[in-house]
């Protein structure tokens, strides 16, 4: 339902019983059109909303810029506290969620797919993105799954700061999987980021990993699994969390929590990282950067070729926390001081 209180707000409210009234679907096909468009705040509190946009990009002669379609467009802020969003954009330059100010993901589930490539017109471009936010982007809970397959498609991007404190975030992208123009900070949650032709995590400012579980994969040299803008005087800081980085870390990183490397890894293979009494198992991709870097609160151990039963599944079955491990062989780990000499070697949701 649409409530207007002061300024316009788009609300989706979940009723106690599931029925047709709390499920909404919308399909639009015009060039650069929007499935749900609000000139102010959008707040999602429940229900299930599905939006499909099939229109191509277009050049806006009034604004003098190239634009793409979007499943949800908020001219102000976007917040999701509960419910489920399923968004797909197939046209050039298309986006799942496009927000002009800040966005807050506190709960609920968000699934985004874009398949179109970059739109070009009048020397301007509109690139496809799963989630695009111009202001700060904060993720504290819920589930976010993003996949972009078209040329130059980024998974999750903010033009400002990105902060992740909880929830489950999975992004598989043609370009950078998760990108921030400002600082990126991960304090908690489970984060998967695979860049098919670029970095996994890419901060144009500083990148701080202080907690949570991060599984990042890059395409190969010169990209890295976890990147910060060292060219601009910024740095990657690792002080906590559980980390698996296929493709290494940005050169010159500050590693106050020790990191370790395996000289090679096998594709499409289950590995288990053990830190203290905690296990985190992950399946490697079919391609990615050739080096494997891991880190944890204490010195970890690593096994390859394992069989995993039970536990809690993450990232559409690519990782399992706390499973029962059997079989496999130990992987030798050596100290890692940062710097990427780890190029291409042995995506998508596997």
C-alpha atoms as a PDB file:
ATOM      1  CA  UNK A   1       0.000   0.000   0.000  1.00  0.00           C
ATOM      2  CA  UNK A   2       1.105   3.570  -0.602  1.00  0.00           C
ATOM      3  CA  UNK A   3       1.072   5.877   2.417  1.00  0.00           C
ATOM      4  CA  UNK A   4       1.798   9.569   2.142  1.00  0.00           C
ATOM      5  CA  UNK A   5       2.743  11.159   5.445  1.00  0.00           C
ATOM      6  CA  UNK A   6       4.178  14.616   4.960  1.00  0.00           C
ATOM      7  CA  UNK A   7       6.501  13.732   2.120  1.00  0.00           C
ATOM      8  CA  UNK A   8       5.627  10.797  -0.169  1.00  0.00           C
ATOM      9  CA  UNK A   9       6.721   7.420   1.152  1.00  0.00           C
ATOM     10  CA  UNK A  10       6.331   4.065  -0.590  1.00  0.00           C
ATOM     11  CA  UNK A  11       5.415   1.342   1.918  1.00  0.00           C
ATOM     12  CA  UNK A  12       5.026  -2.383   1.325  1.00  0.00           C
ATOM     13  CA  UNK A  13       3.428  -3.894   4.433  1.00  0.00           C
ATOM     14  CA  UNK A  14       3.311  -7.615   5.217  1.00  0.00           C
ATOM     15  CA  UNK A  15      -0.025  -8.802   6.618  1.00  0.00           C
ATOM     16  CA  UNK A  16      -0.265 -11.546   9.208  1.00  0.00           C
ATOM     17  CA  UNK A  17      -1.618 -14.026   6.649  1.00  0.00           C
ATOM     18  CA  UNK A  18      -0.138 -14.503   3.205  1.00  0.00           C
ATOM     19  CA  UNK A  19      -2.576 -13.487   0.464  1.00  0.00           C
ATOM     20  CA  UNK A  20      -2.651 -11.850  -2.942  1.00  0.00           C
ATOM     21  CA  UNK A  21      -2.856  -8.371  -1.446  1.00  0.00           C
ATOM     22  CA  UNK A  22       0.672  -8.477  -0.040  1.00  0.00           C
ATOM     23  CA  UNK A  23       2.247  -9.713  -3.274  1.00  0.00           C
ATOM     24  CA  UNK A  24       2.863  -7.108  -5.951  1.00  0.00           C
ATOM     25  CA  UNK A  25       4.326  -7.526  -9.436  1.00  0.00           C
ATOM     26  CA  UNK A  26       5.132  -4.967 -12.083  1.00  0.00           C
ATOM     27  CA  UNK A  27       6.529  -5.340 -15.610  1.00  0.00           C
ATOM     28  CA  UNK A  28       7.546  -2.296 -17.637  1.00  0.00           C
ATOM     29  CA  UNK A  29       9.232  -2.106 -21.032  1.00  0.00           C
ATOM     30  CA  UNK A  30       9.674   1.544 -22.090  1.00  0.00           C
ATOM     31  CA  UNK A  31      13.184   2.999 -22.528  1.00  0.00           C
ATOM     32  CA  UNK A  32      14.762   4.098 -19.214  1.00  0.00           C
ATOM     33  CA  UNK A  33      11.476   3.501 -17.399  1.00  0.00           C
ATOM     34  CA  UNK A  34      11.097   2.763 -13.685  1.00  0.00           C
ATOM     35  CA  UNK A  35       9.080  -0.036 -12.120  1.00  0.00           C
ATOM     36  CA  UNK A  36       8.582   1.808  -8.823  1.00  0.00           C
ATOM     37  CA  UNK A  37       9.444   5.505  -8.864  1.00  0.00           C
ATOM     38  CA  UNK A  38       9.226   7.882  -5.900  1.00  0.00           C
ATOM     39  CA  UNK A  39      10.320  11.510  -5.662  1.00  0.00           C
ATOM     40  CA  UNK A  40      11.100  11.031  -1.971  1.00  0.00           C
ATOM     41  CA  UNK A  41      11.619   8.199   0.537  1.00  0.00           C
ATOM     42  CA  UNK A  42      10.943   4.525  -0.169  1.00  0.00           C
ATOM     43  CA  UNK A  43      10.483   2.270   2.876  1.00  0.00           C
ATOM     44  CA  UNK A  44       9.861  -1.477   2.499  1.00  0.00           C
ATOM     45  CA  UNK A  45       8.516  -3.184   5.625  1.00  0.00           C
ATOM     46  CA  UNK A  46       7.148  -6.475   4.276  1.00  0.00           C
ATOM     47  CA  UNK A  47       5.288  -8.329   1.551  1.00  0.00           C
ATOM     48  CA  UNK A  48       6.732  -9.603  -1.706  1.00  0.00           C
ATOM     49  CA  UNK A  49       7.346  -7.241  -4.616  1.00  0.00           C
ATOM     50  CA  UNK A  50       8.551  -8.335  -8.051  1.00  0.00           C
ATOM     51  CA  UNK A  51       9.605  -5.892 -10.773  1.00  0.00           C
ATOM     52  CA  UNK A  52      10.841  -6.662 -14.304  1.00  0.00           C
ATOM     53  CA  UNK A  53      12.126  -3.911 -16.604  1.00  0.00           C
ATOM     54  CA  UNK A  54      12.943  -4.758 -20.227  1.00  0.00           C
ATOM     55  CA  UNK A  55      13.415  -1.290 -21.743  1.00  0.00           C
ATOM     56  CA  UNK A  56      16.747  -0.118 -23.134  1.00  0.00           C
ATOM     57  CA  UNK A  57      18.669   2.981 -22.110  1.00  0.00           C
ATOM     58  CA  UNK A  58      18.012   6.418 -23.535  1.00  0.00           C
ATOM     59  CA  UNK A  59      19.574   9.873 -23.676  1.00  0.00           C
ATOM     60  CA  UNK A  60      17.704  12.480 -21.626  1.00  0.00           C
ATOM     61  CA  UNK A  61      18.006  15.698 -23.626  1.00  0.00           C
ATOM     62  CA  UNK A  62      16.714  17.798 -20.728  1.00  0.00           C
ATOM     63  CA  UNK A  63      19.177  16.457 -18.143  1.00  0.00           C
ATOM     64  CA  UNK A  64      21.811  15.895 -20.843  1.00  0.00           C
ATOM     65  CA  UNK A  65      22.762  12.425 -19.659  1.00  0.00           C
ATOM     66  CA  UNK A  66      22.342   8.780 -20.592  1.00  0.00           C
ATOM     67  CA  UNK A  67      19.890   6.892 -18.385  1.00  0.00           C
ATOM     68  CA  UNK A  68      18.821   3.285 -17.924  1.00  0.00           C
ATOM     69  CA  UNK A  69      15.705   1.591 -16.611  1.00  0.00           C
ATOM     70  CA  UNK A  70      15.435   0.664 -12.915  1.00  0.00           C
ATOM     71  CA  UNK A  71      13.273  -1.711 -10.932  1.00  0.00           C
ATOM     72  CA  UNK A  72      13.127   0.779  -8.046  1.00  0.00           C
ATOM     73  CA  UNK A  73      14.119   4.447  -8.246  1.00  0.00           C
ATOM     74  CA  UNK A  74      14.179   6.674  -5.130  1.00  0.00           C
ATOM     75  CA  UNK A  75      14.943  10.376  -5.552  1.00  0.00           C
ATOM     76  CA  UNK A  76      15.615  10.573  -1.817  1.00  0.00           C
ATOM     77  CA  UNK A  77      16.366   7.652   0.551  1.00  0.00           C
ATOM     78  CA  UNK A  78      15.699   3.917   0.396  1.00  0.00           C
ATOM     79  CA  UNK A  79      15.186   1.650   3.429  1.00  0.00           C
ATOM     80  CA  UNK A  80      14.212  -2.007   3.674  1.00  0.00           C
ATOM     81  CA  UNK A  81      13.342  -3.461   7.081  1.00  0.00           C
ATOM     82  CA  UNK A  82      11.538  -6.624   5.994  1.00  0.00           C
ATOM     83  CA  UNK A  83       9.755  -8.357   3.156  1.00  0.00           C
ATOM     84  CA  UNK A  84      11.137  -9.538  -0.152  1.00  0.00           C
ATOM     85  CA  UNK A  85      12.161  -7.724  -3.342  1.00  0.00           C
ATOM     86  CA  UNK A  86      12.805  -9.565  -6.621  1.00  0.00           C
ATOM     87  CA  UNK A  87      14.117  -7.242  -9.320  1.00  0.00           C
ATOM     88  CA  UNK A  88      15.333  -7.954 -12.860  1.00  0.00           C
ATOM     89  CA  UNK A  89      16.461  -5.553 -15.579  1.00  0.00           C
ATOM     90  CA  UNK A  90      17.289  -6.845 -19.076  1.00  0.00           C
ATOM     91  CA  UNK A  91      17.856  -3.607 -21.022  1.00  0.00           C
ATOM     92  CA  UNK A  92      21.100  -1.717 -21.626  1.00  0.00           C
ATOM     93  CA  UNK A  93      22.159   0.431 -18.681  1.00  0.00           C
ATOM     94  CA  UNK A  94      19.500  -1.151 -16.466  1.00  0.00           C
ATOM     95  CA  UNK A  95      19.616  -1.188 -12.662  1.00  0.00           C
ATOM     96  CA  UNK A  96      17.831  -3.090  -9.928  1.00  0.00           C
ATOM     97  CA  UNK A  97      17.748  -0.322  -7.283  1.00  0.00           C
ATOM     98  CA  UNK A  98      18.804   3.288  -7.988  1.00  0.00           C
ATOM     99  CA  UNK A  99      18.928   5.694  -5.021  1.00  0.00           C
ATOM    100  CA  UNK A 100      19.843   9.406  -5.142  1.00  0.00           C
ATOM    101  CA  UNK A 101      20.582   9.741  -1.419  1.00  0.00           C
ATOM    102  CA  UNK A 102      21.456   7.193   1.290  1.00  0.00           C
ATOM    103  CA  UNK A 103      20.232   3.597   1.481  1.00  0.00           C
ATOM    104  CA  UNK A 104      19.783   1.331   4.510  1.00  0.00           C
ATOM    105  CA  UNK A 105      19.354  -2.439   4.302  1.00  0.00           C
ATOM    106  CA  UNK A 106      18.215  -3.507   7.780  1.00  0.00           C
ATOM    107  CA  UNK A 107      16.314  -6.714   7.047  1.00  0.00           C
ATOM    108  CA  UNK A 108      14.279  -8.608   4.491  1.00  0.00           C
ATOM    109  CA  UNK A 109      15.540 -10.197   1.286  1.00  0.00           C
ATOM    110  CA  UNK A 110      16.657  -8.509  -1.942  1.00  0.00           C
ATOM    111  CA  UNK A 111      17.373 -10.430  -5.149  1.00  0.00           C
ATOM    112  CA  UNK A 112      18.644  -8.464  -8.157  1.00  0.00           C
ATOM    113  CA  UNK A 113      19.597  -9.612 -11.666  1.00  0.00           C
ATOM    114  CA  UNK A 114      20.706  -7.398 -14.559  1.00  0.00           C
ATOM    115  CA  UNK A 115      21.579  -8.841 -17.973  1.00  0.00           C
ATOM    116  CA  UNK A 116      21.978  -5.778 -20.208  1.00  0.00           C
ATOM    117  CA  UNK A 117      25.271  -4.140 -21.076  1.00  0.00           C
ATOM    118  CA  UNK A 118      26.446  -0.533 -20.966  1.00  0.00           C
ATOM    119  CA  UNK A 119      24.355   2.071 -22.818  1.00  0.00           C
ATOM    120  CA  UNK A 120      26.213   4.771 -24.784  1.00  0.00           C
ATOM    121  CA  UNK A 121      24.813   7.924 -26.374  1.00  0.00           C
ATOM    122  CA  UNK A 122      26.077  11.472 -27.056  1.00  0.00           C
ATOM    123  CA  UNK A 123      29.463  10.686 -25.472  1.00  0.00           C
ATOM    124  CA  UNK A 124      27.749   9.671 -22.228  1.00  0.00           C
ATOM    125  CA  UNK A 125      27.172   6.231 -20.712  1.00  0.00           C
ATOM    126  CA  UNK A 126      24.823   4.465 -18.345  1.00  0.00           C
ATOM    127  CA  UNK A 127      26.331   1.289 -16.882  1.00  0.00           C
ATOM    128  CA  UNK A 128      24.200  -1.574 -15.573  1.00  0.00           C
ATOM    129  CA  UNK A 129      24.305  -2.015 -11.788  1.00  0.00           C
ATOM    130  CA  UNK A 130      22.499  -4.281  -9.381  1.00  0.00           C
ATOM    131  CA  UNK A 131      22.289  -1.650  -6.623  1.00  0.00           C
ATOM    132  CA  UNK A 132      23.442   1.944  -7.179  1.00  0.00           C
ATOM    133  CA  UNK A 133      23.426   4.481  -4.330  1.00  0.00           C
ATOM    134  CA  UNK A 134      24.683   8.070  -4.599  1.00  0.00           C
ATOM    135  CA  UNK A 135      24.872   8.608  -0.818  1.00  0.00           C
ATOM    136  CA  UNK A 136      26.055   6.392   2.029  1.00  0.00           C
ATOM    137  CA  UNK A 137      25.101   2.720   1.847  1.00  0.00           C
ATOM    138  CA  UNK A 138      24.634   0.818   5.133  1.00  0.00           C
ATOM    139  CA  UNK A 139      23.884  -2.905   5.436  1.00  0.00           C
ATOM    140  CA  UNK A 140      23.052  -4.155   8.926  1.00  0.00           C
ATOM    141  CA  UNK A 141      20.842  -7.189   8.305  1.00  0.00           C
ATOM    142  CA  UNK A 142      18.787  -9.227   5.891  1.00  0.00           C
ATOM    143  CA  UNK A 143      19.905 -10.921   2.696  1.00  0.00           C
ATOM    144  CA  UNK A 144      21.151  -9.293  -0.521  1.00  0.00           C
ATOM    145  CA  UNK A 145      21.954 -11.344  -3.615  1.00  0.00           C
ATOM    146  CA  UNK A 146      23.061  -9.521  -6.781  1.00  0.00           C
ATOM    147  CA  UNK A 147      24.147 -10.819 -10.192  1.00  0.00           C
ATOM    148  CA  UNK A 148      25.136  -8.678 -13.205  1.00  0.00           C
ATOM    149  CA  UNK A 149      26.197 -10.356 -16.445  1.00  0.00           C
ATOM    150  CA  UNK A 150      26.193  -7.580 -19.068  1.00  0.00           C
ATOM    151  CA  UNK A 151      29.222  -5.586 -20.230  1.00  0.00           C
ATOM    152  CA  UNK A 152      30.550  -3.188 -17.517  1.00  0.00           C
ATOM    153  CA  UNK A 153      27.917  -4.288 -15.023  1.00  0.00           C
ATOM    154  CA  UNK A 154      28.832  -3.652 -11.365  1.00  0.00           C
ATOM    155  CA  UNK A 155      27.090  -5.493  -8.567  1.00  0.00           C
ATOM    156  CA  UNK A 156      26.734  -3.061  -5.648  1.00  0.00           C
ATOM    157  CA  UNK A 157      28.045   0.505  -5.897  1.00  0.00           C
ATOM    158  CA  UNK A 158      27.889   3.595  -3.741  1.00  0.00           C
ATOM    159  CA  UNK A 159      29.229   7.001  -4.733  1.00  0.00           C
ATOM    160  CA  UNK A 160      29.963   7.607  -1.037  1.00  0.00           C
ATOM    161  CA  UNK A 161      30.718   5.360   1.987  1.00  0.00           C
ATOM    162  CA  UNK A 162      29.803   1.695   2.394  1.00  0.00           C
ATOM    163  CA  UNK A 163      29.382   0.108   5.835  1.00  0.00           C
ATOM    164  CA  UNK A 164      28.460  -3.548   6.458  1.00  0.00           C
ATOM    165  CA  UNK A 165      27.744  -4.609  10.039  1.00  0.00           C
ATOM    166  CA  UNK A 166      25.525  -7.657   9.523  1.00  0.00           C
ATOM    167  CA  UNK A 167      23.385  -9.672   7.169  1.00  0.00           C
ATOM    168  CA  UNK A 168      24.332 -11.779   4.169  1.00  0.00           C
ATOM    169  CA  UNK A 169      25.617 -10.002   1.049  1.00  0.00           C
ATOM    170  CA  UNK A 170      26.490 -11.877  -2.148  1.00  0.00           C
ATOM    171  CA  UNK A 171      27.465 -10.132  -5.380  1.00  0.00           C
ATOM    172  CA  UNK A 172      28.649 -11.757  -8.602  1.00  0.00           C
ATOM    173  CA  UNK A 173      29.361  -9.131 -11.236  1.00  0.00           C
ATOM    174  CA  UNK A 174      30.815  -8.609 -14.706  1.00  0.00           C
ATOM    175  CA  UNK A 175      32.906  -5.707 -13.326  1.00  0.00           C
ATOM    176  CA  UNK A 176      33.599  -4.905  -9.639  1.00  0.00           C
ATOM    177  CA  UNK A 177      31.362  -6.970  -7.391  1.00  0.00           C
ATOM    178  CA  UNK A 178      31.162  -4.393  -4.550  1.00  0.00           C
ATOM    179  CA  UNK A 179      32.483  -0.865  -5.052  1.00  0.00           C
ATOM    180  CA  UNK A 180      32.556   2.303  -2.951  1.00  0.00           C
ATOM    181  CA  UNK A 181      33.788   5.698  -4.120  1.00  0.00           C
ATOM    182  CA  UNK A 182      34.504   6.563  -0.484  1.00  0.00           C
ATOM    183  CA  UNK A 183      35.666   4.405   2.437  1.00  0.00           C
ATOM    184  CA  UNK A 184      34.454   0.822   2.773  1.00  0.00           C
ATOM    185  CA  UNK A 185      34.121  -0.680   6.262  1.00  0.00           C
ATOM    186  CA  UNK A 186      33.153  -4.265   7.100  1.00  0.00           C
ATOM    187  CA  UNK A 187      32.477  -4.892  10.790  1.00  0.00           C
ATOM    188  CA  UNK A 188      30.272  -7.976  10.566  1.00  0.00           C
ATOM    189  CA  UNK A 189      28.010 -10.125   8.446  1.00  0.00           C
ATOM    190  CA  UNK A 190      28.798 -12.581   5.660  1.00  0.00           C
ATOM    191  CA  UNK A 191      30.089 -11.042   2.419  1.00  0.00           C
ATOM    192  CA  UNK A 192      30.748 -12.739  -0.932  1.00  0.00           C
ATOM    193  CA  UNK A 193      32.144 -10.653  -3.800  1.00  0.00           C
ATOM    194  CA  UNK A 194      33.283 -12.026  -7.160  1.00  0.00           C
ATOM    195  CA  UNK A 195      34.320  -9.714  -9.985  1.00  0.00           C
ATOM    196  CA  UNK A 196      34.318 -11.689 -13.224  1.00  0.00           C
ATOM    197  CA  UNK A 197      36.489  -9.102 -15.017  1.00  0.00           C
ATOM    198  CA  UNK A 198      37.705  -6.940 -12.118  1.00  0.00           C
ATOM    199  CA  UNK A 199      38.059  -6.772  -8.315  1.00  0.00           C
ATOM    200  CA  UNK A 200      35.922  -8.487  -5.714  1.00  0.00           C
ATOM    201  CA  UNK A 201      35.841  -5.670  -3.129  1.00  0.00           C
ATOM    202  CA  UNK A 202      36.992  -2.289  -4.470  1.00  0.00           C
ATOM    203  CA  UNK A 203      37.183   0.870  -2.333  1.00  0.00           C
ATOM    204  CA  UNK A 204      38.211   4.119  -3.997  1.00  0.00           C
ATOM    205  CA  UNK A 205      38.878   5.346  -0.457  1.00  0.00           C
ATOM    206  CA  UNK A 206      40.272   3.304   2.429  1.00  0.00           C
ATOM    207  CA  UNK A 207      39.049  -0.248   2.967  1.00  0.00           C
ATOM    208  CA  UNK A 208      38.680  -1.402   6.582  1.00  0.00           C
ATOM    209  CA  UNK A 209      37.991  -5.056   7.418  1.00  0.00           C
ATOM    210  CA  UNK A 210      37.394  -5.276  11.157  1.00  0.00           C
ATOM    211  CA  UNK A 211      35.049  -8.240  11.492  1.00  0.00           C
ATOM    212  CA  UNK A 212      32.589 -10.515   9.763  1.00  0.00           C
ATOM    213  CA  UNK A 213      33.349 -13.184   7.174  1.00  0.00           C
ATOM    214  CA  UNK A 214      34.571 -12.077   3.741  1.00  0.00           C
ATOM    215  CA  UNK A 215      34.994 -14.314   0.685  1.00  0.00           C
ATOM    216  CA  UNK A 216      36.327 -12.244  -2.237  1.00  0.00           C
ATOM    217  CA  UNK A 217      37.447 -13.303  -5.721  1.00  0.00           C
ATOM    218  CA  UNK A 218      39.027 -11.260  -8.513  1.00  0.00           C
ATOM    219  CA  UNK A 219      39.498 -12.051 -12.204  1.00  0.00           C
ATOM    220  CA  UNK A 220      43.326 -12.101 -12.184  1.00  0.00           C
ATOM    221  CA  UNK A 221      46.280  -9.731 -12.662  1.00  0.00           C
ATOM    222  CA  UNK A 222      46.334  -6.757 -12.327  1.00  0.00           C
ATOM    223  CA  UNK A 223      43.147  -6.982 -10.240  1.00  0.00           C
ATOM    224  CA  UNK A 224      43.022  -8.116  -6.611  1.00  0.00           C
ATOM    225  CA  UNK A 225      40.370  -9.752  -4.490  1.00  0.00           C
ATOM    226  CA  UNK A 226      40.280  -6.830  -2.004  1.00  0.00           C
ATOM    227  CA  UNK A 227      41.366  -3.437  -3.306  1.00  0.00           C
ATOM    228  CA  UNK A 228      41.871   0.077  -1.931  1.00  0.00           C
ATOM    229  CA  UNK A 229      42.942   3.275  -3.675  1.00  0.00           C
ATOM    230  CA  UNK A 230      46.672   3.236  -2.969  1.00  0.00           C
ATOM    231  CA  UNK A 231      47.248   5.442  -6.017  1.00  0.00           C
ATOM    232  CA  UNK A 232      45.237   8.107  -4.211  1.00  0.00           C
ATOM    233  CA  UNK A 233      47.084   7.670  -0.906  1.00  0.00           C
ATOM    234  CA  UNK A 234      44.486   5.315   0.598  1.00  0.00           C
ATOM    235  CA  UNK A 235      45.047   1.884   2.106  1.00  0.00           C
ATOM    236  CA  UNK A 236      43.548  -1.487   2.973  1.00  0.00           C
ATOM    237  CA  UNK A 237      43.443  -2.106   6.734  1.00  0.00           C
ATOM    238  CA  UNK A 238      42.862  -5.645   8.058  1.00  0.00           C
ATOM    239  CA  UNK A 239      42.338  -5.786  11.825  1.00  0.00           C
ATOM    240  CA  UNK A 240      39.743  -8.540  12.239  1.00  0.00           C
ATOM    241  CA  UNK A 241      37.295 -10.901  10.633  1.00  0.00           C
ATOM    242  CA  UNK A 242      37.613 -14.157   8.735  1.00  0.00           C
ATOM    243  CA  UNK A 243      38.929 -13.600   5.215  1.00  0.00           C
ATOM    244  CA  UNK A 244      39.312 -15.719   2.089  1.00  0.00           C
ATOM    245  CA  UNK A 245      40.779 -13.756  -0.836  1.00  0.00           C
ATOM    246  CA  UNK A 246      41.366 -15.492  -4.168  1.00  0.00           C
ATOM    247  CA  UNK A 247      43.707 -13.118  -5.994  1.00  0.00           C
ATOM    248  CA  UNK A 248      45.419 -11.527  -2.996  1.00  0.00           C
ATOM    249  CA  UNK A 249      45.169  -8.145  -1.280  1.00  0.00           C
ATOM    250  CA  UNK A 250      46.027  -4.621  -2.371  1.00  0.00           C
ATOM    251  CA  UNK A 251      49.728  -3.803  -2.288  1.00  0.00           C
ATOM    252  CA  UNK A 252      50.874  -1.981   0.864  1.00  0.00           C
ATOM    253  CA  UNK A 253      47.995  -3.129   3.056  1.00  0.00           C
ATOM    254  CA  UNK A 254      48.207  -2.629   6.825  1.00  0.00           C
ATOM    255  CA  UNK A 255      47.758  -6.114   8.322  1.00  0.00           C
ATOM    256  CA  UNK A 256      47.445  -5.848  12.100  1.00  0.00           C
ATOM    257  CA  UNK A 257      45.704  -9.223  11.928  1.00  0.00           C
ATOM    258  CA  UNK A 258      48.074 -11.758  10.379  1.00  0.00           C
ATOM    259  CA  UNK A 259      47.356 -13.108   6.912  1.00  0.00           C
ATOM    260  CA  UNK A 260      48.586 -16.328   5.297  1.00  0.00           C
ATOM    261  CA  UNK A 261      48.830 -17.575   1.733  1.00  0.00           C
ATOM    262  CA  UNK A 262      48.658 -20.795  -0.215  1.00  0.00           C
ATOM    263  CA  UNK A 263      50.783 -20.804  -3.349  1.00  0.00           C
ATOM    264  CA  UNK A 264      47.980 -22.243  -5.468  1.00  0.00           C
ATOM    265  CA  UNK A 265      44.409 -23.481  -5.329  1.00  0.00           C
ATOM    266  CA  UNK A 266      42.224 -25.932  -7.221  1.00  0.00           C
ATOM    267  CA  UNK A 267      39.128 -24.857  -9.119  1.00  0.00           C
ATOM    268  CA  UNK A 268      35.630 -26.090  -8.237  1.00  0.00           C
ATOM    269  CA  UNK A 269      36.885 -27.630  -5.011  1.00  0.00           C
ATOM    270  CA  UNK A 270      35.593 -27.525  -1.446  1.00  0.00           C
ATOM    271  CA  UNK A 271      38.027 -26.092   1.138  1.00  0.00           C
ATOM    272  CA  UNK A 272      37.644 -25.671   4.887  1.00  0.00           C
ATOM    273  CA  UNK A 273      39.266 -22.844   6.853  1.00  0.00           C
ATOM    274  CA  UNK A 274      39.475 -23.534  10.588  1.00  0.00           C
ATOM    275  CA  UNK A 275      40.040 -20.667  13.025  1.00  0.00           C
ATOM    276  CA  UNK A 276      40.072 -21.824  16.644  1.00  0.00           C
ATOM    277  CA  UNK A 277      36.982 -24.008  17.010  1.00  0.00           C
ATOM    278  CA  UNK A 278      35.149 -22.421  14.071  1.00  0.00           C
ATOM    279  CA  UNK A 279      35.038 -23.806  10.548  1.00  0.00           C
ATOM    280  CA  UNK A 280      34.120 -22.009   7.339  1.00  0.00           C
ATOM    281  CA  UNK A 281      33.941 -24.116   4.190  1.00  0.00           C
ATOM    282  CA  UNK A 282      33.881 -22.627   0.708  1.00  0.00           C
ATOM    283  CA  UNK A 283      33.755 -23.828  -2.876  1.00  0.00           C
ATOM    284  CA  UNK A 284      36.328 -22.247  -5.186  1.00  0.00           C
ATOM    285  CA  UNK A 285      35.251 -20.777  -8.544  1.00  0.00           C
ATOM    286  CA  UNK A 286      36.102 -22.122 -11.974  1.00  0.00           C
ATOM    287  CA  UNK A 287      38.469 -19.168 -12.535  1.00  0.00           C
ATOM    288  CA  UNK A 288      40.016 -16.270 -10.632  1.00  0.00           C
ATOM    289  CA  UNK A 289      43.277 -14.848  -9.303  1.00  0.00           C
ATOM    290  CA  UNK A 290      45.940 -17.510  -8.812  1.00  0.00           C
ATOM    291  CA  UNK A 291      46.816 -16.868  -5.144  1.00  0.00           C
ATOM    292  CA  UNK A 292      44.745 -17.718  -2.073  1.00  0.00           C
ATOM    293  CA  UNK A 293      45.083 -15.525   1.039  1.00  0.00           C
ATOM    294  CA  UNK A 294      43.322 -16.291   4.342  1.00  0.00           C
ATOM    295  CA  UNK A 295      43.101 -14.619   7.731  1.00  0.00           C
ATOM    296  CA  UNK A 296      41.397 -15.118  11.072  1.00  0.00           C
ATOM    297  CA  UNK A 297      41.477 -14.090  14.714  1.00  0.00           C
ATOM    298  CA  UNK A 298      44.118 -16.768  15.308  1.00  0.00           C
ATOM    299  CA  UNK A 299      46.411 -18.650  12.937  1.00  0.00           C
ATOM    300  CA  UNK A 300      44.126 -20.715  10.703  1.00  0.00           C
ATOM    301  CA  UNK A 301      44.491 -24.121   9.106  1.00  0.00           C
ATOM    302  CA  UNK A 302      43.271 -24.987   5.627  1.00  0.00           C
ATOM    303  CA  UNK A 303      42.184 -28.264   4.020  1.00  0.00           C
ATOM    304  CA  UNK A 304      41.231 -28.935   0.400  1.00  0.00           C
ATOM    305  CA  UNK A 305      39.022 -31.581  -1.155  1.00  0.00           C
ATOM    306  CA  UNK A 306      36.820 -31.868   1.909  1.00  0.00           C
ATOM    307  CA  UNK A 307      33.301 -33.191   2.277  1.00  0.00           C
ATOM    308  CA  UNK A 308      30.959 -30.978   4.299  1.00  0.00           C
ATOM    309  CA  UNK A 309      27.741 -32.030   6.017  1.00  0.00           C
ATOM    310  CA  UNK A 310      25.205 -29.989   7.986  1.00  0.00           C
ATOM    311  CA  UNK A 311      26.157 -26.462   9.072  1.00  0.00           C
ATOM    312  CA  UNK A 312      24.644 -23.171   7.883  1.00  0.00           C
ATOM    313  CA  UNK A 313      24.688 -22.477   4.148  1.00  0.00           C
ATOM    314  CA  UNK A 314      25.569 -19.049   2.715  1.00  0.00           C
ATOM    315  CA  UNK A 315      25.849 -17.483  -0.728  1.00  0.00           C
ATOM    316  CA  UNK A 316      23.448 -19.878  -2.458  1.00  0.00           C
ATOM    317  CA  UNK A 317      25.378 -22.899  -1.221  1.00  0.00           C
ATOM    318  CA  UNK A 318      28.906 -21.677  -2.023  1.00  0.00           C
ATOM    319  CA  UNK A 319      29.894 -21.563   1.661  1.00  0.00           C
ATOM    320  CA  UNK A 320      28.973 -23.429   4.838  1.00  0.00           C
ATOM    321  CA  UNK A 321      29.685 -22.247   8.375  1.00  0.00           C
ATOM    322  CA  UNK A 322      30.062 -24.754  11.204  1.00  0.00           C
ATOM    323  CA  UNK A 323      29.668 -27.902   9.119  1.00  0.00           C
ATOM    324  CA  UNK A 324      30.905 -31.400   9.879  1.00  0.00           C
ATOM    325  CA  UNK A 325      34.124 -31.914   7.904  1.00  0.00           C
ATOM    326  CA  UNK A 326      35.495 -35.194   6.588  1.00  0.00           C
ATOM    327  CA  UNK A 327      38.311 -36.168   4.241  1.00  0.00           C
ATOM    328  CA  UNK A 328      40.528 -33.695   2.427  1.00  0.00           C
ATOM    329  CA  UNK A 329      44.210 -32.875   2.650  1.00  0.00           C
ATOM    330  CA  UNK A 330      46.092 -30.161   4.507  1.00  0.00           C
ATOM    331  CA  UNK A 331      47.202 -27.070   2.586  1.00  0.00           C
ATOM    332  CA  UNK A 332      50.535 -25.474   3.474  1.00  0.00           C
ATOM    333  CA  UNK A 333      50.217 -21.820   4.480  1.00  0.00           C
ATOM    334  CA  UNK A 334      52.996 -19.248   4.652  1.00  0.00           C
ATOM    335  CA  UNK A 335      53.071 -15.724   6.058  1.00  0.00           C
ATOM    336  CA  UNK A 336      51.622 -13.064   3.748  1.00  0.00           C
ATOM    337  CA  UNK A 337      52.830  -9.474   3.941  1.00  0.00           C
ATOM    338  CA  UNK A 338      50.451  -8.017   1.263  1.00  0.00           C
ATOM    339  CA  UNK A 339      51.109  -7.110  -2.305  1.00  0.00           C
ATOM    340  CA  UNK A 340      49.712  -8.830  -5.331  1.00  0.00           C
ATOM    341  CA  UNK A 341      51.988 -10.975  -7.424  1.00  0.00           C
ATOM    342  CA  UNK A 342      49.028 -13.299  -7.803  1.00  0.00           C
ATOM    343  CA  UNK A 343      47.721 -13.067 -11.298  1.00  0.00           C
ATOM    344  CA  UNK A 344      45.250 -15.084 -13.315  1.00  0.00           C
ATOM    345  CA  UNK A 345      44.852 -18.769 -12.610  1.00  0.00           C
ATOM    346  CA  UNK A 346      42.477 -21.534 -11.929  1.00  0.00           C
ATOM    347  CA  UNK A 347      32.161 -17.677 -11.945  1.00  0.00           C
ATOM    348  CA  UNK A 348      28.837 -17.077 -11.348  1.00  0.00           C
ATOM    349  CA  UNK A 349      26.778 -18.975  -8.847  1.00  0.00           C
ATOM    350  CA  UNK A 350      28.327 -22.428  -9.263  1.00  0.00           C
END
